[in-house]
PDB file of N, CA and C in Angstrom:
ATOM      1  N   UNK A   1      -3.324  -7.606 -20.255  1.00  0.00           N
ATOM      2  CA  UNK A   1      -2.694  -7.299 -18.749  1.00  0.00           C
ATOM      3  C   UNK A   1      -1.116  -7.958 -18.923  1.00  0.00           C
ATOM      4  N   UNK A   2      -0.469  -7.125 -18.256  1.00  0.00           N
ATOM      5  CA  UNK A   2       1.156  -7.723 -18.549  1.00  0.00           C
ATOM      6  C   UNK A   2       1.016  -8.824 -17.150  1.00  0.00           C
ATOM      7  N   UNK A   3       1.352  -9.933 -17.900  1.00  0.00           N
ATOM      8  CA  UNK A   3       1.280 -11.227 -16.471  1.00  0.00           C
ATOM      9  C   UNK A   3       3.173 -11.635 -16.500  1.00  0.00           C
ATOM     10  N   UNK A   4       3.368 -12.402 -15.679  1.00  0.00           N
ATOM     11  CA  UNK A   4       4.417 -13.382 -15.446  1.00  0.00           C
ATOM     12  C   UNK A   4       4.449 -14.740 -15.937  1.00  0.00           C
ATOM     13  N   UNK A   5       5.109 -14.840 -16.895  1.00  0.00           N
ATOM     14  CA  UNK A   5       5.618 -16.034 -17.951  1.00  0.00           C
ATOM     15  C   UNK A   5       6.830 -16.875 -17.273  1.00  0.00           C
ATOM     16  N   UNK A   6       6.512 -18.092 -17.508  1.00  0.00           N
ATOM     17  CA  UNK A   6       7.594 -18.959 -16.844  1.00  0.00           C
ATOM     18  C   UNK A   6       8.596 -18.810 -17.890  1.00  0.00           C
ATOM     19  N   UNK A   7       9.814 -18.696 -17.525  1.00  0.00           N
ATOM     20  CA  UNK A   7      10.954 -18.823 -18.193  1.00  0.00           C
ATOM     21  C   UNK A   7      11.692 -17.579 -18.327  1.00  0.00           C
ATOM     22  N   UNK A   8      10.548 -16.391 -18.303  1.00  0.00           N
ATOM     23  CA  UNK A   8      11.066 -15.277 -18.416  1.00  0.00           C
ATOM     24  C   UNK A   8      11.869 -14.194 -17.183  1.00  0.00           C
ATOM     25  N   UNK A   9      12.692 -13.605 -17.290  1.00  0.00           N
ATOM     26  CA  UNK A   9      13.199 -12.721 -16.052  1.00  0.00           C
ATOM     27  C   UNK A   9      12.874 -11.245 -15.637  1.00  0.00           C
ATOM     28  N   UNK A  10      12.575 -10.937 -14.715  1.00  0.00           N
ATOM     29  CA  UNK A  10      11.904  -9.715 -14.351  1.00  0.00           C
ATOM     30  C   UNK A  10      12.917  -8.732 -13.119  1.00  0.00           C
ATOM     31  N   UNK A  11      12.956  -7.709 -13.093  1.00  0.00           N
ATOM     32  CA  UNK A  11      13.886  -6.740 -12.145  1.00  0.00           C
ATOM     33  C   UNK A  11      12.645  -6.475 -11.007  1.00  0.00           C
ATOM     34  N   UNK A  12      12.983  -5.948 -10.421  1.00  0.00           N
ATOM     35  CA  UNK A  12      12.760  -5.477  -8.706  1.00  0.00           C
ATOM     36  C   UNK A  12      12.597  -3.937  -8.751  1.00  0.00           C
ATOM     37  N   UNK A  13      11.769  -3.772  -7.997  1.00  0.00           N
ATOM     38  CA  UNK A  13      11.164  -1.915  -7.928  1.00  0.00           C
ATOM     39  C   UNK A  13      12.436  -1.439  -7.264  1.00  0.00           C
ATOM     40  N   UNK A  14      13.434  -2.118  -6.390  1.00  0.00           N
ATOM     41  CA  UNK A  14      14.451  -1.827  -5.714  1.00  0.00           C
ATOM     42  C   UNK A  14      15.895  -2.287  -6.509  1.00  0.00           C
ATOM     43  N   UNK A  15      16.354  -1.498  -7.317  1.00  0.00           N
ATOM     44  CA  UNK A  15      17.642  -1.674  -8.458  1.00  0.00           C
ATOM     45  C   UNK A  15      18.842  -2.702  -7.510  1.00  0.00           C
ATOM     46  N   UNK A  16      18.658  -2.564  -6.250  1.00  0.00           N
ATOM     47  CA  UNK A  16      19.704  -3.688  -5.981  1.00  0.00           C
ATOM     48  C   UNK A  16      19.475  -5.229  -5.743  1.00  0.00           C
ATOM     49  N   UNK A  17      18.287  -5.535  -6.154  1.00  0.00           N
ATOM     50  CA  UNK A  17      18.033  -6.827  -6.318  1.00  0.00           C
ATOM     51  C   UNK A  17      18.587  -7.181  -7.185  1.00  0.00           C
ATOM     52  N   UNK A  18      18.710  -8.634  -7.292  1.00  0.00           N
ATOM     53  CA  UNK A  18      19.098  -9.795  -8.213  1.00  0.00           C
ATOM     54  C   UNK A  18      18.028  -9.862  -9.158  1.00  0.00           C
ATOM     55  N   UNK A  19      17.787  -9.635 -10.580  1.00  0.00           N
ATOM     56  CA  UNK A  19      16.799 -10.363 -11.312  1.00  0.00           C
ATOM     57  C   UNK A  19      16.111 -12.046 -10.709  1.00  0.00           C
ATOM     58  N   UNK A  20      14.884 -11.933 -11.014  1.00  0.00           N
ATOM     59  CA  UNK A  20      14.250 -13.326 -10.881  1.00  0.00           C
ATOM     60  C   UNK A  20      13.793 -13.733 -12.060  1.00  0.00           C
ATOM     61  N   UNK A  21      14.026 -15.303 -12.118  1.00  0.00           N
ATOM     62  CA  UNK A  21      13.506 -16.098 -13.307  1.00  0.00           C
ATOM     63  C   UNK A  21      12.325 -17.008 -12.780  1.00  0.00           C
ATOM     64  N   UNK A  22      11.210 -16.571 -13.635  1.00  0.00           N
ATOM     65  CA  UNK A  22      10.018 -17.832 -13.113  1.00  0.00           C
ATOM     66  C   UNK A  22      10.100 -19.070 -13.622  1.00  0.00           C
ATOM     67  N   UNK A  23       9.960 -20.073 -12.652  1.00  0.00           N
ATOM     68  CA  UNK A  23      10.153 -21.219 -12.917  1.00  0.00           C
ATOM     69  C   UNK A  23       8.971 -22.175 -13.351  1.00  0.00           C
ATOM     70  N   UNK A  24       7.620 -21.714 -12.313  1.00  0.00           N
ATOM     71  CA  UNK A  24       6.727 -22.306 -12.480  1.00  0.00           C
ATOM     72  C   UNK A  24       5.265 -21.126 -11.843  1.00  0.00           C
ATOM     73  N   UNK A  25       4.262 -21.378 -12.428  1.00  0.00           N
ATOM     74  CA  UNK A  25       3.311 -20.469 -12.282  1.00  0.00           C
ATOM     75  C   UNK A  25       2.157 -21.208 -11.693  1.00  0.00           C
ATOM     76  N   UNK A  26       1.122 -20.778 -10.661  1.00  0.00           N
ATOM     77  CA  UNK A  26      -0.195 -21.074 -10.317  1.00  0.00           C
ATOM     78  C   UNK A  26      -0.958 -20.165 -10.459  1.00  0.00           C
ATOM     79  N   UNK A  27      -2.233 -20.174 -10.276  1.00  0.00           N
ATOM     80  CA  UNK A  27      -3.503 -19.152 -10.169  1.00  0.00           C
ATOM     81  C   UNK A  27      -2.779 -18.271  -8.925  1.00  0.00           C
ATOM     82  N   UNK A  28      -2.056 -18.346  -8.296  1.00  0.00           N
ATOM     83  CA  UNK A  28      -1.998 -17.603  -7.213  1.00  0.00           C
ATOM     84  C   UNK A  28      -0.465 -17.074  -6.956  1.00  0.00           C
ATOM     85  N   UNK A  29       0.374 -18.242  -7.014  1.00  0.00           N
ATOM     86  CA  UNK A  29       1.938 -18.186  -6.686  1.00  0.00           C
ATOM     87  C   UNK A  29       2.726 -18.474  -8.093  1.00  0.00           C
ATOM     88  N   UNK A  30       3.896 -17.745  -8.016  1.00  0.00           N
ATOM     89  CA  UNK A  30       5.162 -17.835  -9.004  1.00  0.00           C
ATOM     90  C   UNK A  30       6.010 -18.346  -7.944  1.00  0.00           C
ATOM     91  N   UNK A  31       7.172 -19.364  -8.920  1.00  0.00           N
ATOM     92  CA  UNK A  31       7.988 -19.919  -8.238  1.00  0.00           C
ATOM     93  C   UNK A  31       9.086 -19.345  -9.170  1.00  0.00           C
ATOM     94  N   UNK A  32      10.023 -18.998  -8.240  1.00  0.00           N
ATOM     95  CA  UNK A  32      11.154 -18.513  -9.021  1.00  0.00           C
ATOM     96  C   UNK A  32      12.505 -18.484  -8.433  1.00  0.00           C
ATOM     97  N   UNK A  33      13.793 -18.000  -9.229  1.00  0.00           N
ATOM     98  CA  UNK A  33      15.009 -18.426  -9.038  1.00  0.00           C
ATOM     99  C   UNK A  33      15.817 -17.342  -9.065  1.00  0.00           C
ATOM    100  N   UNK A  34      16.767 -16.894  -8.343  1.00  0.00           N
ATOM    101  CA  UNK A  34      17.493 -15.576  -8.691  1.00  0.00           C
ATOM    102  C   UNK A  34      18.962 -15.799  -9.429  1.00  0.00           C
ATOM    103  N   UNK A  35      19.693 -14.846  -9.640  1.00  0.00           N
ATOM    104  CA  UNK A  35      21.091 -15.270  -9.807  1.00  0.00           C
ATOM    105  C   UNK A  35      22.274 -16.063  -9.115  1.00  0.00           C
ATOM    106  N   UNK A  36      21.700 -16.017  -7.699  1.00  0.00           N
ATOM    107  CA  UNK A  36      22.648 -16.680  -6.769  1.00  0.00           C
ATOM    108  C   UNK A  36      22.059 -18.151  -6.681  1.00  0.00           C
ATOM    109  N   UNK A  37      21.289 -18.337  -7.452  1.00  0.00           N
ATOM    110  CA  UNK A  37      20.801 -19.846  -7.334  1.00  0.00           C
ATOM    111  C   UNK A  37      19.410 -20.242  -6.095  1.00  0.00           C
ATOM    112  N   UNK A  38      18.826 -18.867  -5.595  1.00  0.00           N
ATOM    113  CA  UNK A  38      18.264 -19.279  -4.271  1.00  0.00           C
ATOM    114  C   UNK A  38      16.939 -19.606  -5.086  1.00  0.00           C
ATOM    115  N   UNK A  39      15.941 -20.257  -4.477  1.00  0.00           N
ATOM    116  CA  UNK A  39      14.418 -20.431  -5.216  1.00  0.00           C
ATOM    117  C   UNK A  39      13.743 -20.351  -3.943  1.00  0.00           C
ATOM    118  N   UNK A  40      12.204 -19.918  -4.219  1.00  0.00           N
ATOM    119  CA  UNK A  40      11.395 -19.405  -3.273  1.00  0.00           C
ATOM    120  C   UNK A  40       9.906 -19.049  -4.305  1.00  0.00           C
ATOM    121  N   UNK A  41       8.798 -18.893  -3.446  1.00  0.00           N
ATOM    122  CA  UNK A  41       7.739 -18.736  -4.051  1.00  0.00           C
ATOM    123  C   UNK A  41       7.152 -17.377  -4.213  1.00  0.00           C
ATOM    124  N   UNK A  42       6.426 -16.409  -4.469  1.00  0.00           N
ATOM    125  CA  UNK A  42       5.813 -15.227  -4.135  1.00  0.00           C
ATOM    126  C   UNK A  42       4.395 -15.027  -4.833  1.00  0.00           C
ATOM    127  N   UNK A  43       3.874 -14.460  -3.799  1.00  0.00           N
ATOM    128  CA  UNK A  43       2.277 -14.176  -4.070  1.00  0.00           C
ATOM    129  C   UNK A  43       2.237 -12.998  -5.224  1.00  0.00           C
ATOM    130  N   UNK A  44       1.376 -13.810  -6.162  1.00  0.00           N
ATOM    131  CA  UNK A  44       0.615 -12.854  -7.029  1.00  0.00           C
ATOM    132  C   UNK A  44      -0.137 -11.451  -6.619  1.00  0.00           C
ATOM    133  N   UNK A  45      -0.096 -10.442  -7.257  1.00  0.00           N
ATOM    134  CA  UNK A  45      -1.284  -9.551  -6.952  1.00  0.00           C
ATOM    135  C   UNK A  45      -1.432  -8.937  -8.480  1.00  0.00           C
ATOM    136  N   UNK A  46      -2.358  -8.065  -8.610  1.00  0.00           N
ATOM    137  CA  UNK A  46      -2.670  -6.923  -9.483  1.00  0.00           C
ATOM    138  C   UNK A  46      -2.748  -5.526  -9.262  1.00  0.00           C
ATOM    139  N   UNK A  47      -2.360  -5.062 -10.211  1.00  0.00           N
ATOM    140  CA  UNK A  47      -2.317  -3.399  -9.959  1.00  0.00           C
ATOM    141  C   UNK A  47      -2.723  -2.596 -11.362  1.00  0.00           C
ATOM    142  N   UNK A  48      -3.259  -1.661 -10.941  1.00  0.00           N
ATOM    143  CA  UNK A  48      -3.432  -0.758 -12.448  1.00  0.00           C
ATOM    144  C   UNK A  48      -2.706   0.542 -12.454  1.00  0.00           C
ATOM    145  N   UNK A  49      -2.224   0.844 -13.616  1.00  0.00           N
ATOM    146  CA  UNK A  49      -1.055   1.938 -13.564  1.00  0.00           C
ATOM    147  C   UNK A  49      -2.202   3.148 -13.705  1.00  0.00           C
ATOM    148  N   UNK A  50      -1.494   4.492 -13.718  1.00  0.00           N
ATOM    149  CA  UNK A  50      -1.993   5.695 -13.890  1.00  0.00           C
ATOM    150  C   UNK A  50      -3.083   5.830 -15.450  1.00  0.00           C
ATOM    151  N   UNK A  51      -1.717   5.254 -16.472  1.00  0.00           N
ATOM    152  CA  UNK A  51      -2.685   5.156 -17.702  1.00  0.00           C
ATOM    153  C   UNK A  51      -3.530   4.441 -18.116  1.00  0.00           C
ATOM    154  N   UNK A  52      -4.141   3.497 -16.998  1.00  0.00           N
ATOM    155  CA  UNK A  52      -5.226   2.423 -17.112  1.00  0.00           C
ATOM    156  C   UNK A  52      -4.658   1.092 -17.339  1.00  0.00           C
ATOM    157  N   UNK A  53      -3.539   0.957 -17.623  1.00  0.00           N
ATOM    158  CA  UNK A  53      -2.783  -0.644 -18.006  1.00  0.00           C
ATOM    159  C   UNK A  53      -2.951  -1.056 -16.752  1.00  0.00           C
ATOM    160  N   UNK A  54      -2.971  -2.698 -16.684  1.00  0.00           N
ATOM    161  CA  UNK A  54      -3.137  -3.384 -16.033  1.00  0.00           C
ATOM    162  C   UNK A  54      -1.723  -4.225 -15.927  1.00  0.00           C
ATOM    163  N   UNK A  55      -1.020  -4.509 -14.819  1.00  0.00           N
ATOM    164  CA  UNK A  55      -0.127  -5.405 -14.640  1.00  0.00           C
ATOM    165  C   UNK A  55      -0.104  -6.377 -13.420  1.00  0.00           C
ATOM    166  N   UNK A  56       0.431  -7.326 -13.011  1.00  0.00           N
ATOM    167  CA  UNK A  56       0.963  -7.890 -12.001  1.00  0.00           C
ATOM    168  C   UNK A  56       2.141  -7.922 -11.464  1.00  0.00           C
ATOM    169  N   UNK A  57       2.222  -7.482 -10.171  1.00  0.00           N
ATOM    170  CA  UNK A  57       3.141  -7.915  -9.184  1.00  0.00           C
ATOM    171  C   UNK A  57       3.505  -9.059  -8.364  1.00  0.00           C
ATOM    172  N   UNK A  58       4.277  -8.902  -7.753  1.00  0.00           N
ATOM    173  CA  UNK A  58       4.588 -10.160  -6.950  1.00  0.00           C
ATOM    174  C   UNK A  58       5.244  -9.382  -5.449  1.00  0.00           C
ATOM    175  N   UNK A  59       5.078 -10.023  -4.342  1.00  0.00           N
ATOM    176  CA  UNK A  59       5.467  -9.524  -2.799  1.00  0.00           C
ATOM    177  C   UNK A  59       6.264 -11.035  -2.245  1.00  0.00           C
ATOM    178  N   UNK A  60       7.499 -10.679  -2.094  1.00  0.00           N
ATOM    179  CA  UNK A  60       7.749 -11.738  -1.194  1.00  0.00           C
ATOM    180  C   UNK A  60       7.213 -11.917   0.424  1.00  0.00           C
ATOM    181  N   UNK A  61       6.457 -12.769   0.347  1.00  0.00           N
ATOM    182  CA  UNK A  61       6.031 -12.598   1.784  1.00  0.00           C
ATOM    183  C   UNK A  61       7.297 -13.257   3.006  1.00  0.00           C
ATOM    184  N   UNK A  62       8.038 -13.868   2.463  1.00  0.00           N
ATOM    185  CA  UNK A  62       8.833 -14.396   3.687  1.00  0.00           C
ATOM    186  C   UNK A  62       9.611 -13.391   4.129  1.00  0.00           C
ATOM    187  N   UNK A  63       9.705 -12.071   3.698  1.00  0.00           N
ATOM    188  CA  UNK A  63      10.260 -10.847   4.331  1.00  0.00           C
ATOM    189  C   UNK A  63       9.165 -10.423   5.266  1.00  0.00           C
ATOM    190  N   UNK A  64       9.905  -9.551   6.074  1.00  0.00           N
ATOM    191  CA  UNK A  64       9.033  -8.927   7.529  1.00  0.00           C
ATOM    192  C   UNK A  64       8.000  -8.092   6.978  1.00  0.00           C
ATOM    193  N   UNK A  65       7.488  -7.380   7.485  1.00  0.00           N
ATOM    194  CA  UNK A  65       6.331  -6.545   7.034  1.00  0.00           C
ATOM    195  C   UNK A  65       6.880  -5.226   6.497  1.00  0.00           C
ATOM    196  N   UNK A  66       7.889  -4.898   7.294  1.00  0.00           N
ATOM    197  CA  UNK A  66       8.627  -3.585   6.998  1.00  0.00           C
ATOM    198  C   UNK A  66       9.719  -3.331   5.599  1.00  0.00           C
ATOM    199  N   UNK A  67       9.944  -4.244   5.592  1.00  0.00           N
ATOM    200  CA  UNK A  67      10.735  -5.045   4.242  1.00  0.00           C
ATOM    201  C   UNK A  67      10.016  -5.802   3.120  1.00  0.00           C
ATOM    202  N   UNK A  68       8.622  -5.851   3.050  1.00  0.00           N
ATOM    203  CA  UNK A  68       8.154  -6.601   2.394  1.00  0.00           C
ATOM    204  C   UNK A  68       7.891  -5.580   0.826  1.00  0.00           C
ATOM    205  N   UNK A  69       7.799  -4.623   0.961  1.00  0.00           N
ATOM    206  CA  UNK A  69       7.240  -3.628  -0.382  1.00  0.00           C
ATOM    207  C   UNK A  69       9.083  -3.568  -0.995  1.00  0.00           C
ATOM    208  N   UNK A  70      10.130  -3.511  -0.242  1.00  0.00           N
ATOM    209  CA  UNK A  70      11.431  -3.358  -1.079  1.00  0.00           C
ATOM    210  C   UNK A  70      11.401  -4.912  -1.744  1.00  0.00           C
ATOM    211  N   UNK A  71      11.171  -6.065  -1.610  1.00  0.00           N
ATOM    212  CA  UNK A  71      11.495  -7.002  -2.230  1.00  0.00           C
ATOM    213  C   UNK A  71      10.014  -7.535  -3.349  1.00  0.00           C
ATOM    214  N   UNK A  72       9.746  -6.364  -4.076  1.00  0.00           N
ATOM    215  CA  UNK A  72       8.741  -6.477  -4.843  1.00  0.00           C
ATOM    216  C   UNK A  72       8.924  -6.563  -6.103  1.00  0.00           C
ATOM    217  N   UNK A  73       8.622  -7.275  -7.046  1.00  0.00           N
ATOM    218  CA  UNK A  73       8.960  -7.425  -8.418  1.00  0.00           C
ATOM    219  C   UNK A  73       7.608  -7.136  -9.561  1.00  0.00           C
ATOM    220  N   UNK A  74       7.614  -6.732 -10.560  1.00  0.00           N
ATOM    221  CA  UNK A  74       6.587  -6.242 -11.673  1.00  0.00           C
ATOM    222  C   UNK A  74       6.686  -6.902 -12.898  1.00  0.00           C
ATOM    223  N   UNK A  75       5.669  -7.577 -13.580  1.00  0.00           N
ATOM    224  CA  UNK A  75       5.876  -8.134 -14.596  1.00  0.00           C
ATOM    225  C   UNK A  75       6.013  -6.928 -15.763  1.00  0.00           C
ATOM    226  N   UNK A  76       5.751  -5.865 -15.479  1.00  0.00           N
ATOM    227  CA  UNK A  76       6.072  -4.792 -17.033  1.00  0.00           C
ATOM    228  C   UNK A  76       7.758  -4.553 -16.663  1.00  0.00           C
ATOM    229  N   UNK A  77       8.809  -5.004 -15.824  1.00  0.00           N
ATOM    230  CA  UNK A  77       9.820  -4.747 -15.780  1.00  0.00           C
ATOM    231  C   UNK A  77      10.749  -6.060 -16.255  1.00  0.00           C
ATOM    232  N   UNK A  78       9.899  -6.743 -17.359  1.00  0.00           N
ATOM    233  CA  UNK A  78      10.863  -7.759 -17.829  1.00  0.00           C
ATOM    234  C   UNK A  78      12.094  -7.553 -18.416  1.00  0.00           C
ATOM    235  N   UNK A  79      12.870  -8.244 -18.309  1.00  0.00           N
ATOM    236  CA  UNK A  79      14.498  -7.818 -18.742  1.00  0.00           C
ATOM    237  C   UNK A  79      14.389  -8.639 -20.161  1.00  0.00           C
TER     238      UNK A  79
END
């Protein structure tokens, strides 16, 4: 399974988002920083792709419900 790793950068589902860099990881959260220096935590979730591959993705819980999916990043989108 593709997982988020400390020190690595990942892209978002929305191409307009600044990539995030993982600063710290726990069992349920990653702590990240974007290109603008903002830091926050994101909730880790797991997903299974169409071809059976598994990967982690994170959701920004500080965004409202209607915007939550726009602020989603996947471990499979490593930069």
